[in-house]
C-alpha atoms as a PDB file:
ATOM      1  CA  MET A   1      48.868  66.265 124.939  1.00  0.00           C
ATOM      2  CA  ASP A   2      48.900  65.217 121.290  1.00  0.00           C
ATOM      3  CA  ASP A   3      51.319  62.402 122.133  1.00  0.00           C
ATOM      4  CA  ILE A   4      49.343  60.930 125.037  1.00  0.00           C
ATOM      5  CA  LEU A   5      46.029  60.931 123.143  1.00  0.00           C
ATOM      6  CA  ILE A   6      46.213  60.014 119.463  1.00  0.00           C
ATOM      7  CA  THR A   7      43.330  61.414 117.418  1.00  0.00           C
ATOM      8  CA  GLU A   8      42.649  59.823 114.048  1.00  0.00           C
ATOM      9  CA  LYS A   9      39.824  60.882 111.747  1.00  0.00           C
ATOM     10  CA  ARG A  10      38.343  58.287 109.417  1.00  0.00           C
ATOM     11  CA  GLY A  11      35.641  60.076 107.487  1.00  0.00           C
ATOM     12  CA  HIS A  12      32.913  60.914 109.982  1.00  0.00           C
ATOM     13  CA  VAL A  13      34.407  58.595 112.631  1.00  0.00           C
ATOM     14  CA  THR A  14      37.067  59.738 115.102  1.00  0.00           C
ATOM     15  CA  VAL A  15      39.310  57.216 116.867  1.00  0.00           C
ATOM     16  CA  LEU A  16      40.793  58.334 120.192  1.00  0.00           C
ATOM     17  CA  THR A  17      43.687  56.189 121.417  1.00  0.00           C
ATOM     18  CA  LEU A  18      44.971  56.557 124.971  1.00  0.00           C
ATOM     19  CA  ASN A  19      48.717  56.474 124.441  1.00  0.00           C
ATOM     20  CA  ARG A  20      50.589  55.797 127.667  1.00  0.00           C
ATOM     21  CA  PRO A  21      51.375  52.097 127.096  1.00  0.00           C
ATOM     22  CA  GLU A  22      54.331  52.206 129.495  1.00  0.00           C
ATOM     23  CA  ALA A  23      51.800  52.975 132.256  1.00  0.00           C
ATOM     24  CA  MET A  24      49.034  50.685 130.951  1.00  0.00           C
ATOM     25  CA  ASN A  25      47.348  53.777 129.467  1.00  0.00           C
ATOM     26  CA  SER A  26      46.567  54.988 132.968  1.00  0.00           C
ATOM     27  CA  LEU A  27      45.244  58.509 133.359  1.00  0.00           C
ATOM     28  CA  ASP A  28      47.270  61.416 134.642  1.00  0.00           C
ATOM     29  CA  TYR A  29      45.836  64.922 134.697  1.00  0.00           C
ATOM     30  CA  GLU A  30      47.169  65.713 131.215  1.00  0.00           C
ATOM     31  CA  LEU A  31      45.468  62.690 129.663  1.00  0.00           C
ATOM     32  CA  TYR A  32      42.228  63.481 131.494  1.00  0.00           C
ATOM     33  CA  ASP A  33      42.370  66.996 130.020  1.00  0.00           C
ATOM     34  CA  ALA A  34      43.185  65.746 126.522  1.00  0.00           C
ATOM     35  CA  LEU A  35      40.308  63.264 126.582  1.00  0.00           C
ATOM     36  CA  GLU A  36      37.845  65.865 127.811  1.00  0.00           C
ATOM     37  CA  ASN A  37      38.915  68.383 125.176  1.00  0.00           C
ATOM     38  CA  ALA A  38      38.796  65.819 122.363  1.00  0.00           C
ATOM     39  CA  VAL A  39      35.229  64.827 123.201  1.00  0.00           C
ATOM     40  CA  ARG A  40      33.942  68.368 123.776  1.00  0.00           C
ATOM     41  CA  THR A  41      35.391  69.704 120.519  1.00  0.00           C
ATOM     42  CA  SER A  42      34.656  66.701 118.312  1.00  0.00           C
ATOM     43  CA  ASP A  43      32.591  67.160 115.157  1.00  0.00           C
ATOM     44  CA  ALA A  44      32.492  63.414 114.486  1.00  0.00           C
ATOM     45  CA  ARG A  45      29.312  61.427 113.982  1.00  0.00           C
ATOM     46  CA  ALA A  46      30.741  58.576 116.067  1.00  0.00           C
ATOM     47  CA  ILE A  47      33.756  58.197 118.366  1.00  0.00           C
ATOM     48  CA  VAL A  48      35.756  55.034 119.038  1.00  0.00           C
ATOM     49  CA  ILE A  49      37.962  55.017 122.162  1.00  0.00           C
ATOM     50  CA  THR A  50      40.705  52.434 122.625  1.00  0.00           C
ATOM     51  CA  GLY A  51      44.121  52.002 124.220  1.00  0.00           C
ATOM     52  CA  SER A  52      47.595  51.820 122.752  1.00  0.00           C
ATOM     53  CA  GLY A  53      49.259  48.413 122.638  1.00  0.00           C
ATOM     54  CA  THR A  54      47.715  45.092 123.589  1.00  0.00           C
ATOM     55  CA  ARG A  55      48.082  44.999 127.375  1.00  0.00           C
ATOM     56  CA  ALA A  56      45.628  47.656 128.520  1.00  0.00           C
ATOM     57  CA  PHE A  57      42.640  49.680 127.421  1.00  0.00           C
ATOM     58  CA  CYS A  58      43.061  51.909 130.476  1.00  0.00           C
ATOM     59  CA  ALA A  59      44.285  50.943 133.937  1.00  0.00           C
ATOM     60  CA  GLY A  60      42.509  53.869 135.612  1.00  0.00           C
ATOM     61  CA  ASP A  61      44.184  56.657 137.556  1.00  0.00           C
ATOM     62  CA  ASP A  62      47.977  56.671 137.538  1.00  0.00           C
ATOM     63  CA  VAL A  63      48.741  55.542 141.092  1.00  0.00           C
ATOM     64  CA  LYS A  64      52.150  57.228 141.207  1.00  0.00           C
ATOM     65  CA  LYS A  65      50.992  60.554 139.756  1.00  0.00           C
ATOM     66  CA  ILE A  66      47.531  60.884 141.317  1.00  0.00           C
ATOM     67  CA  LEU A  67      46.554  58.421 144.031  1.00  0.00           C
ATOM     68  CA  SER A  68      49.808  58.307 145.981  1.00  0.00           C
ATOM     69  CA  LYS A  69      49.874  62.116 146.144  1.00  0.00           C
ATOM     70  CA  GLY A  70      46.325  62.481 147.400  1.00  0.00           C
ATOM     71  CA  ALA A  71      45.114  64.052 144.131  1.00  0.00           C
ATOM     72  CA  PRO A  72      46.219  67.654 144.673  1.00  0.00           C
ATOM     73  CA  VAL A  73      43.651  70.048 143.257  1.00  0.00           C
ATOM     74  CA  THR A  74      44.958  73.207 141.609  1.00  0.00           C
ATOM     75  CA  PRO A  75      42.791  76.362 141.517  1.00  0.00           C
ATOM     76  CA  GLU A  76      42.242  75.802 137.788  1.00  0.00           C
ATOM     77  CA  ARG A  77      41.013  72.268 138.340  1.00  0.00           C
ATOM     78  CA  ALA A  78      38.818  73.355 141.224  1.00  0.00           C
ATOM     79  CA  ALA A  79      37.209  75.977 138.974  1.00  0.00           C
ATOM     80  CA  LYS A  80      36.633  73.439 136.214  1.00  0.00           C
ATOM     81  CA  ALA A  81      35.126  70.941 138.670  1.00  0.00           C
ATOM     82  CA  LYS A  82      32.826  73.688 139.942  1.00  0.00           C
ATOM     83  CA  ASP A  83      31.576  74.188 136.383  1.00  0.00           C
ATOM     84  CA  THR A  84      30.650  70.514 136.171  1.00  0.00           C
ATOM     85  CA  GLY A  85      29.090  70.366 139.621  1.00  0.00           C
ATOM     86  CA  GLY A  86      31.944  68.233 140.942  1.00  0.00           C
ATOM     87  CA  LEU A  87      31.647  65.589 138.223  1.00  0.00           C
ATOM     88  CA  THR A  88      35.040  64.656 136.767  1.00  0.00           C
ATOM     89  CA  PRO A  89      35.297  66.984 133.724  1.00  0.00           C
ATOM     90  CA  ALA A  90      36.209  64.160 131.320  1.00  0.00           C
ATOM     91  CA  ALA A  91      33.222  62.185 132.591  1.00  0.00           C
ATOM     92  CA  ASP A  92      31.031  65.261 132.198  1.00  0.00           C
ATOM     93  CA  ALA A  93      32.096  65.523 128.554  1.00  0.00           C
ATOM     94  CA  LEU A  94      31.444  61.841 127.844  1.00  0.00           C
ATOM     95  CA  LEU A  95      28.147  61.627 129.715  1.00  0.00           C
ATOM     96  CA  HIS A  96      26.668  64.714 128.070  1.00  0.00           C
ATOM     97  CA  THR A  97      27.900  64.427 124.491  1.00  0.00           C
ATOM     98  CA  ASP A  98      25.285  63.647 121.844  1.00  0.00           C
ATOM     99  CA  ILE A  99      27.891  61.826 119.746  1.00  0.00           C
ATOM    100  CA  PRO A 100      27.653  58.014 119.997  1.00  0.00           C
ATOM    101  CA  VAL A 101      30.742  56.576 121.705  1.00  0.00           C
ATOM    102  CA  ILE A 102      32.071  53.040 121.253  1.00  0.00           C
ATOM    103  CA  ALA A 103      34.714  51.563 123.560  1.00  0.00           C
ATOM    104  CA  ALA A 104      37.091  49.113 121.879  1.00  0.00           C
ATOM    105  CA  ILE A 105      38.450  47.324 124.948  1.00  0.00           C
ATOM    106  CA  ASN A 106      41.781  45.871 123.891  1.00  0.00           C
ATOM    107  CA  GLY A 107      43.171  44.913 127.309  1.00  0.00           C
ATOM    108  CA  PHE A 108      42.747  45.605 131.010  1.00  0.00           C
ATOM    109  CA  ALA A 109      40.008  48.156 131.806  1.00  0.00           C
ATOM    110  CA  LEU A 110      40.397  48.869 135.508  1.00  0.00           C
ATOM    111  CA  GLY A 111      39.062  51.527 137.873  1.00  0.00           C
ATOM    112  CA  TRP A 112      38.412  54.664 135.847  1.00  0.00           C
ATOM    113  CA  GLY A 113      39.293  52.595 132.792  1.00  0.00           C
ATOM    114  CA  ALA A 114      36.217  50.493 133.542  1.00  0.00           C
ATOM    115  CA  GLU A 115      34.273  53.721 134.076  1.00  0.00           C
ATOM    116  CA  LEU A 116      35.483  54.953 130.687  1.00  0.00           C
ATOM    117  CA  ALA A 117      34.209  51.782 129.034  1.00  0.00           C
ATOM    118  CA  ILE A 118      30.902  51.997 130.894  1.00  0.00           C
ATOM    119  CA  MET A 119      30.365  55.600 129.790  1.00  0.00           C
ATOM    120  CA  ALA A 120      30.460  54.518 126.156  1.00  0.00           C
ATOM    121  CA  ASP A 121      27.153  53.714 124.478  1.00  0.00           C
ATOM    122  CA  MET A 122      28.473  50.400 123.170  1.00  0.00           C
ATOM    123  CA  ARG A 123      31.382  48.160 124.091  1.00  0.00           C
ATOM    124  CA  VAL A 124      33.383  45.781 121.891  1.00  0.00           C
ATOM    125  CA  MET A 125      35.836  43.693 123.908  1.00  0.00           C
ATOM    126  CA  SER A 126      38.821  41.563 122.955  1.00  0.00           C
ATOM    127  CA  ASP A 127      38.421  37.995 124.202  1.00  0.00           C
ATOM    128  CA  THR A 128      41.754  38.391 125.998  1.00  0.00           C
ATOM    129  CA  ALA A 129      40.761  41.589 127.837  1.00  0.00           C
ATOM    130  CA  LYS A 130      39.556  41.964 131.423  1.00  0.00           C
ATOM    131  CA  ILE A 131      37.510  44.600 133.215  1.00  0.00           C
ATOM    132  CA  GLY A 132      36.997  45.540 136.845  1.00  0.00           C
ATOM    133  CA  GLU A 133      35.671  48.322 139.086  1.00  0.00           C
ATOM    134  CA  ILE A 134      38.601  48.005 141.493  1.00  0.00           C
ATOM    135  CA  PHE A 135      38.020  51.213 143.467  1.00  0.00           C
ATOM    136  CA  VAL A 136      37.188  49.372 146.685  1.00  0.00           C
ATOM    137  CA  THR A 137      40.614  47.691 146.642  1.00  0.00           C
ATOM    138  CA  ARG A 138      42.143  51.181 146.614  1.00  0.00           C
ATOM    139  CA  GLY A 139      40.035  52.219 149.593  1.00  0.00           C
ATOM    140  CA  LEU A 140      37.914  54.471 147.369  1.00  0.00           C
ATOM    141  CA  CYS A 141      34.402  54.986 146.053  1.00  0.00           C
ATOM    142  CA  CYS A 142      33.912  54.718 142.301  1.00  0.00           C
ATOM    143  CA  ASP A 143      33.079  57.724 140.148  1.00  0.00           C
ATOM    144  CA  ALA A 144      29.508  58.595 139.133  1.00  0.00           C
ATOM    145  CA  PRO A 145      29.298  56.253 136.085  1.00  0.00           C
ATOM    146  CA  GLY A 146      29.964  53.196 138.221  1.00  0.00           C
ATOM    147  CA  LEU A 147      27.071  54.194 140.452  1.00  0.00           C
ATOM    148  CA  GLY A 148      24.591  55.111 137.725  1.00  0.00           C
ATOM    149  CA  ARG A 149      25.549  53.313 134.533  1.00  0.00           C
ATOM    150  CA  LEU A 150      26.865  49.962 135.783  1.00  0.00           C
ATOM    151  CA  ALA A 151      23.557  48.927 137.364  1.00  0.00           C
ATOM    152  CA  GLN A 152      21.734  49.899 134.158  1.00  0.00           C
ATOM    153  CA  LEU A 153      23.870  47.401 132.276  1.00  0.00           C
ATOM    154  CA  VAL A 154      24.103  44.435 134.647  1.00  0.00           C
ATOM    155  CA  GLY A 155      21.386  44.991 137.276  1.00  0.00           C
ATOM    156  CA  ARG A 156      21.740  46.098 140.867  1.00  0.00           C
ATOM    157  CA  GLU A 157      22.760  42.752 142.357  1.00  0.00           C
ATOM    158  CA  LYS A 158      25.621  42.097 139.927  1.00  0.00           C
ATOM    159  CA  ALA A 159      26.685  45.746 140.103  1.00  0.00           C
ATOM    160  CA  SER A 160      26.819  45.459 143.893  1.00  0.00           C
ATOM    161  CA  GLU A 161      28.971  42.331 143.619  1.00  0.00           C
ATOM    162  CA  LEU A 162      31.419  43.953 141.206  1.00  0.00           C
ATOM    163  CA  LEU A 163      31.655  47.178 143.211  1.00  0.00           C
ATOM    164  CA  PHE A 164      31.898  45.628 146.676  1.00  0.00           C
ATOM    165  CA  THR A 165      34.417  42.903 145.750  1.00  0.00           C
ATOM    166  CA  GLY A 166      36.509  44.762 143.190  1.00  0.00           C
ATOM    167  CA  ASP A 167      36.537  41.583 141.095  1.00  0.00           C
ATOM    168  CA  VAL A 168      38.208  41.734 137.694  1.00  0.00           C
ATOM    169  CA  ILE A 169      36.278  39.627 135.183  1.00  0.00           C
ATOM    170  CA  ASP A 170      37.153  38.255 131.779  1.00  0.00           C
ATOM    171  CA  ALA A 171      35.457  39.010 128.479  1.00  0.00           C
ATOM    172  CA  ALA A 172      33.268  35.909 128.501  1.00  0.00           C
ATOM    173  CA  GLU A 173      31.729  36.838 131.862  1.00  0.00           C
ATOM    174  CA  ALA A 174      31.411  40.488 130.851  1.00  0.00           C
ATOM    175  CA  LYS A 175      29.418  39.385 127.794  1.00  0.00           C
ATOM    176  CA  ALA A 176      27.311  36.935 129.811  1.00  0.00           C
ATOM    177  CA  ILE A 177      26.192  39.584 132.331  1.00  0.00           C
ATOM    178  CA  GLY A 178      25.505  42.229 129.666  1.00  0.00           C
ATOM    179  CA  LEU A 179      28.424  44.499 130.491  1.00  0.00           C
ATOM    180  CA  VAL A 180      29.677  44.368 126.898  1.00  0.00           C
ATOM    181  CA  GLY A 181      27.786  43.817 123.671  1.00  0.00           C
ATOM    182  CA  ARG A 182      30.405  42.053 121.565  1.00  0.00           C
ATOM    183  CA  VAL A 183      33.437  39.881 122.288  1.00  0.00           C
ATOM    184  CA  VAL A 184      35.834  39.247 119.421  1.00  0.00           C
ATOM    185  CA  ALA A 185      39.349  38.021 118.744  1.00  0.00           C
ATOM    186  CA  PRO A 186      42.041  40.688 119.270  1.00  0.00           C
ATOM    187  CA  GLY A 187      42.623  41.078 115.540  1.00  0.00           C
ATOM    188  CA  ASP A 188      38.928  41.697 114.950  1.00  0.00           C
ATOM    189  CA  LEU A 189      38.539  44.321 117.674  1.00  0.00           C
ATOM    190  CA  MET A 190      39.130  47.536 115.744  1.00  0.00           C
ATOM    191  CA  PRO A 191      37.516  46.335 112.492  1.00  0.00           C
ATOM    192  CA  THR A 192      34.373  45.410 114.469  1.00  0.00           C
ATOM    193  CA  ALA A 193      34.285  48.683 116.405  1.00  0.00           C
ATOM    194  CA  LEU A 194      34.934  50.739 113.277  1.00  0.00           C
ATOM    195  CA  ALA A 195      32.283  48.905 111.266  1.00  0.00           C
ATOM    196  CA  LEU A 196      29.731  49.665 113.973  1.00  0.00           C
ATOM    197  CA  ALA A 197      30.842  53.305 114.158  1.00  0.00           C
ATOM    198  CA  GLU A 198      30.695  53.696 110.379  1.00  0.00           C
ATOM    199  CA  LYS A 199      27.207  52.184 110.248  1.00  0.00           C
ATOM    200  CA  ILE A 200      26.034  54.718 112.835  1.00  0.00           C
ATOM    201  CA  ALA A 201      27.860  57.578 111.100  1.00  0.00           C
ATOM    202  CA  ALA A 202      26.076  56.768 107.824  1.00  0.00           C
ATOM    203  CA  ASN A 203      22.702  57.581 109.406  1.00  0.00           C
ATOM    204  CA  PRO A 204      21.221  61.118 109.578  1.00  0.00           C
ATOM    205  CA  PRO A 205      23.361  62.770 112.294  1.00  0.00           C
ATOM    206  CA  GLN A 206      20.617  64.964 113.767  1.00  0.00           C
ATOM    207  CA  ALA A 207      18.378  61.938 114.246  1.00  0.00           C
ATOM    208  CA  VAL A 208      21.189  59.987 115.916  1.00  0.00           C
ATOM    209  CA  LYS A 209      21.943  62.892 118.267  1.00  0.00           C
ATOM    210  CA  SER A 210      18.267  63.212 119.190  1.00  0.00           C
ATOM    211  CA  LEU A 211      18.059  59.500 119.934  1.00  0.00           C
ATOM    212  CA  LYS A 212      21.095  59.659 122.199  1.00  0.00           C
ATOM    213  CA  ALA A 213      19.760  62.753 123.969  1.00  0.00           C
ATOM    214  CA  GLY A 214      16.444  60.944 124.418  1.00  0.00           C
ATOM    215  CA  LEU A 215      18.109  57.915 125.983  1.00  0.00           C
ATOM    216  CA  ARG A 216      19.973  60.159 128.397  1.00  0.00           C
ATOM    217  CA  ARG A 217      16.799  62.082 129.228  1.00  0.00           C
ATOM    218  CA  THR A 218      14.880  58.870 129.860  1.00  0.00           C
ATOM    219  CA  LEU A 219      17.431  56.695 131.642  1.00  0.00           C
ATOM    220  CA  ASP A 220      20.159  58.751 133.257  1.00  0.00           C
ATOM    221  CA  PRO A 221      20.310  60.334 136.703  1.00  0.00           C
ATOM    222  CA  ASP A 222      21.472  63.886 137.296  1.00  0.00           C
ATOM    223  CA  TRP A 223      25.119  63.103 136.600  1.00  0.00           C
ATOM    224  CA  ARG A 224      26.433  66.338 138.058  1.00  0.00           C
ATOM    225  CA  ASP A 225      24.587  65.867 141.323  1.00  0.00           C
ATOM    226  CA  THR A 226      25.833  62.276 141.584  1.00  0.00           C
ATOM    227  CA  GLY A 227      29.304  63.424 140.572  1.00  0.00           C
ATOM    228  CA  LYS A 228      29.354  66.057 143.305  1.00  0.00           C
ATOM    229  CA  TRP A 229      28.548  63.417 145.901  1.00  0.00           C
ATOM    230  CA  ALA A 230      31.085  60.962 144.437  1.00  0.00           C
ATOM    231  CA  ILE A 231      34.012  63.402 144.276  1.00  0.00           C
ATOM    232  CA  THR A 232      33.322  64.518 147.850  1.00  0.00           C
ATOM    233  CA  GLU A 233      33.480  60.896 148.973  1.00  0.00           C
ATOM    234  CA  ILE A 234      36.569  60.142 146.864  1.00  0.00           C
ATOM    235  CA  ARG A 235      38.474  63.093 148.315  1.00  0.00           C
ATOM    236  CA  ARG A 236      37.460  62.133 151.851  1.00  0.00           C
ATOM    237  CA  LEU A 237      38.478  58.525 151.317  1.00  0.00           C
ATOM    238  CA  MET A 238      41.821  59.524 149.798  1.00  0.00           C
ATOM    239  CA  GLN A 239      42.801  60.912 153.176  1.00  0.00           C
ATOM    240  CA  THR A 240      42.110  57.643 154.989  1.00  0.00           C
ATOM    241  CA  ALA A 241      44.880  55.357 156.157  1.00  0.00           C
ATOM    242  CA  ASP A 242      43.484  52.495 154.090  1.00  0.00           C
ATOM    243  CA  ALA A 243      43.628  54.444 150.816  1.00  0.00           C
ATOM    244  CA  LYS A 244      47.196  55.543 151.538  1.00  0.00           C
ATOM    245  CA  GLU A 245      48.115  51.969 152.442  1.00  0.00           C
ATOM    246  CA  SER A 246      46.651  50.688 149.166  1.00  0.00           C
ATOM    247  CA  ALA A 247      48.684  53.161 147.091  1.00  0.00           C
ATOM    248  CA  ALA A 248      51.867  52.400 149.062  1.00  0.00           C
ATOM    249  CA  ALA A 249      51.350  48.644 148.719  1.00  0.00           C
ATOM    250  CA  PHE A 250      50.807  48.987 144.962  1.00  0.00           C
ATOM    251  CA  ILE A 251      54.036  50.936 144.526  1.00  0.00           C
ATOM    252  CA  GLU A 252      55.963  48.605 146.851  1.00  0.00           C
ATOM    253  CA  LYS A 253      54.427  45.505 145.180  1.00  0.00           C
ATOM    254  CA  ARG A 254      53.123  43.943 148.370  1.00  0.00           C
ATOM    255  CA  THR A 255      49.772  42.907 149.804  1.00  0.00           C
ATOM    256  CA  PRO A 256      48.006  45.808 151.568  1.00  0.00           C
ATOM    257  CA  VAL A 257      46.859  45.528 155.167  1.00  0.00           C
ATOM    258  CA  PHE A 258      43.635  47.444 155.815  1.00  0.00           C
ATOM    259  CA  THR A 259      42.643  48.617 159.280  1.00  0.00           C
ATOM    260  CA  GLY A 260      39.363  50.458 158.648  1.00  0.00           C
ATOM    261  CA  ASN A 261      40.972  53.822 159.365  1.00  0.00           C
END
């Protein structure tokens, strides 16, 4: 786990780097677990999340390890999901932490990678990066953050467009619609994210935590209830012919043919 998620402490700021560059930093179950544990156990005053390399921030679920196998659920994972009401445990950790989280989006942020960026409180994006809620192209429903947080950021109409089309947009459009707060050159990405994190970390930590808790209390839905609905839908959709066709087409590098089944 230590190899697939690099944890670096810089004073009161912790940098978490998804480290599966050979798979575009996509998430397998081990990386999901490592991310959840790192957030839940963190004593930082601010967290920066980024991806290893320059190609991808996070390309979402590993198609070969998760989606093409129908996401087998072990008894341990089922028990953990029960504890979070069905919400993906890593999402539960990120959505309920009182530590400010900054996403430093260095490359493609796709599917759950887009969700990961959206769950952060602030987003700094490389001007060469792209982001997209591509779940619909996999025959799936997005996770809870895409349902609750995306519309908060860009409004219902634009959220509907992004979710229903699966469009992948560039940094300039992401900034224009309010999906990200800052767009910078690749070389300025981490310095900008770290400067913001350090500025936050220099403030009284109890006050910062109260402010974040207040924002969640005021703006957020019941994440666990939404997560329960979302995971039920995701598991149902994973058994459809269209979802299986999407995974097969991705692996075989061909255009999928959807039938509505």
